[in-house]
């Protein structure tokens, strides 16, 4: 998985982990503005691994035992509006049961789809339980999306939308990232 993430970072941003990023404009030989060269520092920080499950209570218990942690609160989102659910390009009233295991910088998010008409349910029906997406926290989601578009990266969301907990989120199409659905997340 580490290889896929590094490949994804390189494809998405043109940045290779460990590469020096210069902010000295005199080193910019093609005289592009700093806006054109924007690389969000958040792309170097994986912050979430989201796993779709059939039974969130059982999965939470299993993960809690594995991690030696108490099971966090499980909550169910309100239909459609709370997380601005979009399914196949259209608004959806889809809901999800969620819980979050916080492990330092990275959060393991367990998700159980409630009802039909969501990407989570489609993923579960097609693939069974498993990692549905990973997320990077970005500092400026609008600039990050502009940069990705300028690099010809196909996006699911052309503009940020509301996510859980007041975050602004957007997704990169998995065909651009070796089959991995990648979420960009900006917290206010």
Protein backbone atom coordinates (compact mmCIF):
# COMPACT_ATOMS: atom_id res chain seq x y z
CA UNK A 1 0.00 0.00 0.00
CA UNK A 2 2.90 2.38 0.68
CA UNK A 3 3.97 2.07 -2.96
CA UNK A 4 0.43 2.96 -4.13
CA UNK A 5 0.39 6.03 -1.89
CA UNK A 6 3.77 7.22 -3.16
CA UNK A 7 2.68 6.61 -6.74
CA UNK A 8 -0.57 8.47 -6.01
CA UNK A 9 1.31 11.41 -4.50
CA UNK A 10 3.59 11.61 -7.50
CA UNK A 11 0.71 11.39 -9.99
CA UNK A 12 -1.52 13.84 -8.11
CA UNK A 13 1.00 16.54 -7.33
CA UNK A 14 4.18 15.92 -9.26
CA UNK A 15 5.84 15.76 -5.85
CA UNK A 16 7.92 12.81 -4.73
CA UNK A 17 8.21 12.32 -0.94
CA UNK A 18 11.64 13.48 0.18
CA UNK A 19 11.99 15.90 -2.73
CA UNK A 20 13.02 19.43 -1.78
CA UNK A 21 10.31 21.99 -2.46
CA UNK A 22 11.86 25.38 -3.15
CA UNK A 23 10.02 28.56 -2.34
CA UNK A 24 12.77 30.68 -3.90
CA UNK A 25 11.20 32.09 -7.06
CA UNK A 26 14.63 32.60 -8.65
CA UNK A 27 14.92 28.82 -8.98
CA UNK A 28 11.75 28.73 -11.06
CA UNK A 29 13.23 28.63 -14.57
CA UNK A 30 9.94 28.62 -16.46
CA UNK A 31 8.78 31.79 -14.65
CA UNK A 32 5.40 30.34 -13.63
CA UNK A 33 3.69 32.07 -10.74
CA UNK A 34 3.70 30.49 -7.30
CA UNK A 35 -0.02 29.83 -7.84
CA UNK A 36 0.85 27.59 -10.81
CA UNK A 37 3.41 25.75 -8.67
CA UNK A 38 1.14 25.30 -5.69
CA UNK A 39 1.75 22.05 -3.84
CA UNK A 40 -0.41 21.66 -0.77
CA UNK A 41 1.73 20.55 2.18
CA UNK A 42 -1.14 18.33 3.31
CA UNK A 43 -0.47 15.85 0.53
CA UNK A 44 2.38 14.51 2.62
CA UNK A 45 0.01 13.70 5.51
CA UNK A 46 -2.21 10.65 5.28
CA UNK A 47 -4.93 11.25 7.86
CA UNK A 48 -7.61 8.63 7.28
CA UNK A 49 -8.19 5.06 6.19
CA UNK A 50 -11.92 4.47 5.64
CA UNK A 51 -13.22 0.91 5.82
CA UNK A 52 -16.72 -0.12 4.74
CA UNK A 53 -18.23 -2.87 6.92
CA UNK A 54 -21.41 -4.93 7.04
CA UNK A 55 -21.92 -4.63 10.81
CA UNK A 56 -20.36 -1.61 12.48
CA UNK A 57 -20.99 -2.83 16.01
CA UNK A 58 -19.14 -6.11 15.41
CA UNK A 59 -16.38 -4.41 13.39
CA UNK A 60 -15.91 -1.72 16.06
CA UNK A 61 -15.60 -4.36 18.76
CA UNK A 62 -13.03 -6.28 16.66
CA UNK A 63 -10.98 -3.13 15.89
CA UNK A 64 -11.18 -2.01 19.54
CA UNK A 65 -9.79 -5.37 20.67
CA UNK A 66 -7.09 -5.29 17.99
CA UNK A 67 -6.00 -1.75 18.88
CA UNK A 68 -6.48 -2.13 22.65
CA UNK A 69 -8.91 0.79 22.65
CA UNK A 70 -12.41 1.49 23.85
CA UNK A 71 -15.02 1.39 21.09
CA UNK A 72 -15.74 5.00 20.08
CA UNK A 73 -19.27 6.34 19.79
CA UNK A 74 -21.12 5.10 16.72
CA UNK A 75 -23.40 7.64 15.09
CA UNK A 76 -25.67 7.71 12.08
CA UNK A 77 -25.65 10.68 9.73
CA UNK A 78 -28.85 12.53 8.88
CA UNK A 79 -30.28 11.71 5.44
CA UNK A 80 -28.29 13.33 2.65
CA UNK A 81 -27.77 16.82 4.00
CA UNK A 82 -25.31 16.24 6.85
CA UNK A 83 -22.56 14.88 4.62
CA UNK A 84 -23.88 16.18 1.27
CA UNK A 85 -24.13 12.69 -0.24
CA UNK A 86 -23.67 12.57 -4.00
CA UNK A 87 -24.21 9.24 -5.75
CA UNK A 88 -23.52 8.83 -9.46
CA UNK A 89 -23.62 12.60 -9.93
CA UNK A 90 -26.93 13.16 -8.13
CA UNK A 91 -27.85 14.17 -4.58
CA UNK A 92 -28.81 11.22 -2.38
CA UNK A 93 -30.59 10.82 0.95
CA UNK A 94 -28.13 8.05 1.75
CA UNK A 95 -26.97 7.61 5.31
CA UNK A 96 -23.98 6.03 6.96
CA UNK A 97 -23.17 4.74 10.43
CA UNK A 98 -19.72 6.00 11.43
CA UNK A 99 -17.12 5.56 14.12
CA UNK A 100 -13.54 6.81 14.32
CA UNK A 101 -10.49 5.24 15.97
CA UNK A 102 -7.94 8.03 16.43
CA UNK A 103 -4.37 6.76 16.17
CA UNK A 104 -2.22 9.87 16.35
CA UNK A 105 -2.28 11.59 12.96
CA UNK A 106 -4.23 8.78 11.26
CA UNK A 107 -7.87 7.94 11.90
CA UNK A 108 -9.42 4.58 11.07
CA UNK A 109 -12.99 5.31 10.03
CA UNK A 110 -15.46 2.43 10.02
CA UNK A 111 -18.55 2.96 7.86
CA UNK A 112 -21.72 0.90 7.57
CA UNK A 113 -24.07 1.99 4.76
CA UNK A 114 -27.70 2.51 5.75
CA UNK A 115 -30.01 1.79 2.82
CA UNK A 116 -29.31 2.06 -0.89
CA UNK A 117 -28.14 4.81 -3.20
CA UNK A 118 -24.62 5.53 -1.93
CA UNK A 119 -21.09 4.84 -3.10
CA UNK A 120 -20.53 3.08 0.25
CA UNK A 121 -23.33 0.58 -0.42
CA UNK A 122 -22.20 0.06 -3.99
CA UNK A 123 -18.64 -0.59 -2.80
CA UNK A 124 -19.85 -3.09 -0.18
CA UNK A 125 -22.09 -4.93 -2.69
CA UNK A 126 -19.35 -5.09 -5.32
CA UNK A 127 -16.25 -5.70 -3.19
CA UNK A 128 -17.37 -6.80 0.24
CA UNK A 129 -15.87 -5.28 3.37
CA UNK A 130 -12.61 -3.40 2.96
CA UNK A 131 -10.78 -0.13 2.50
CA UNK A 132 -13.05 2.19 0.54
CA UNK A 133 -10.86 5.30 0.52
CA UNK A 134 -7.88 7.07 2.05
CA UNK A 135 -7.76 10.75 2.90
CA UNK A 136 -5.17 13.49 2.93
CA UNK A 137 -5.72 16.66 4.93
CA UNK A 138 -4.97 19.69 2.77
CA UNK A 139 -4.55 23.29 3.87
CA UNK A 140 -6.32 24.86 0.90
CA UNK A 141 -8.68 22.52 -0.91
CA UNK A 142 -9.61 25.02 -3.62
CA UNK A 143 -5.95 25.56 -4.61
CA UNK A 144 -5.26 21.82 -4.41
CA UNK A 145 -8.18 21.09 -6.77
CA UNK A 146 -7.06 23.83 -9.18
CA UNK A 147 -3.57 22.31 -9.29
CA UNK A 148 -4.91 18.81 -9.88
CA UNK A 149 -7.20 20.05 -12.69
CA UNK A 150 -4.30 21.96 -14.27
CA UNK A 151 -2.29 18.71 -14.23
CA UNK A 152 -5.13 16.88 -16.03
CA UNK A 153 -6.11 14.79 -13.00
CA UNK A 154 -9.71 13.58 -13.23
CA UNK A 155 -11.78 14.57 -10.20
CA UNK A 156 -15.09 13.27 -8.91
CA UNK A 157 -15.74 16.64 -7.25
CA UNK A 158 -14.82 19.73 -9.27
CA UNK A 159 -15.55 21.91 -6.24
CA UNK A 160 -15.37 21.11 -2.52
CA UNK A 161 -18.51 19.93 -0.75
CA UNK A 162 -19.49 19.60 2.89
CA UNK A 163 -18.27 16.50 4.70
CA UNK A 164 -18.74 15.13 8.19
CA UNK A 165 -17.80 17.39 11.09
CA UNK A 166 -17.86 20.58 9.03
CA UNK A 167 -14.95 19.60 6.77
CA UNK A 168 -14.71 20.59 3.12
CA UNK A 169 -14.01 17.49 1.02
CA UNK A 170 -13.45 16.43 -2.58
CA UNK A 171 -12.54 13.13 -4.21
CA UNK A 172 -10.03 12.26 -6.91
CA UNK A 173 -11.24 9.66 -9.40
CA UNK A 174 -9.71 6.26 -8.51
CA UNK A 175 -8.62 5.67 -12.12
CA UNK A 176 -6.09 8.46 -11.54
CA UNK A 177 -4.63 6.86 -8.41
CA UNK A 178 -4.09 3.19 -9.20
CA UNK A 179 -7.61 2.18 -8.19
CA UNK A 180 -7.51 3.95 -4.81
CA UNK A 181 -10.30 6.43 -4.06
CA UNK A 182 -8.55 9.48 -2.56
CA UNK A 183 -10.31 12.10 -0.48
CA UNK A 184 -8.97 15.60 0.09
CA UNK A 185 -10.14 17.08 3.38
CA UNK A 186 -9.81 20.64 4.69
CA UNK A 187 -10.79 21.33 8.27
CA UNK A 188 -11.60 24.90 9.30
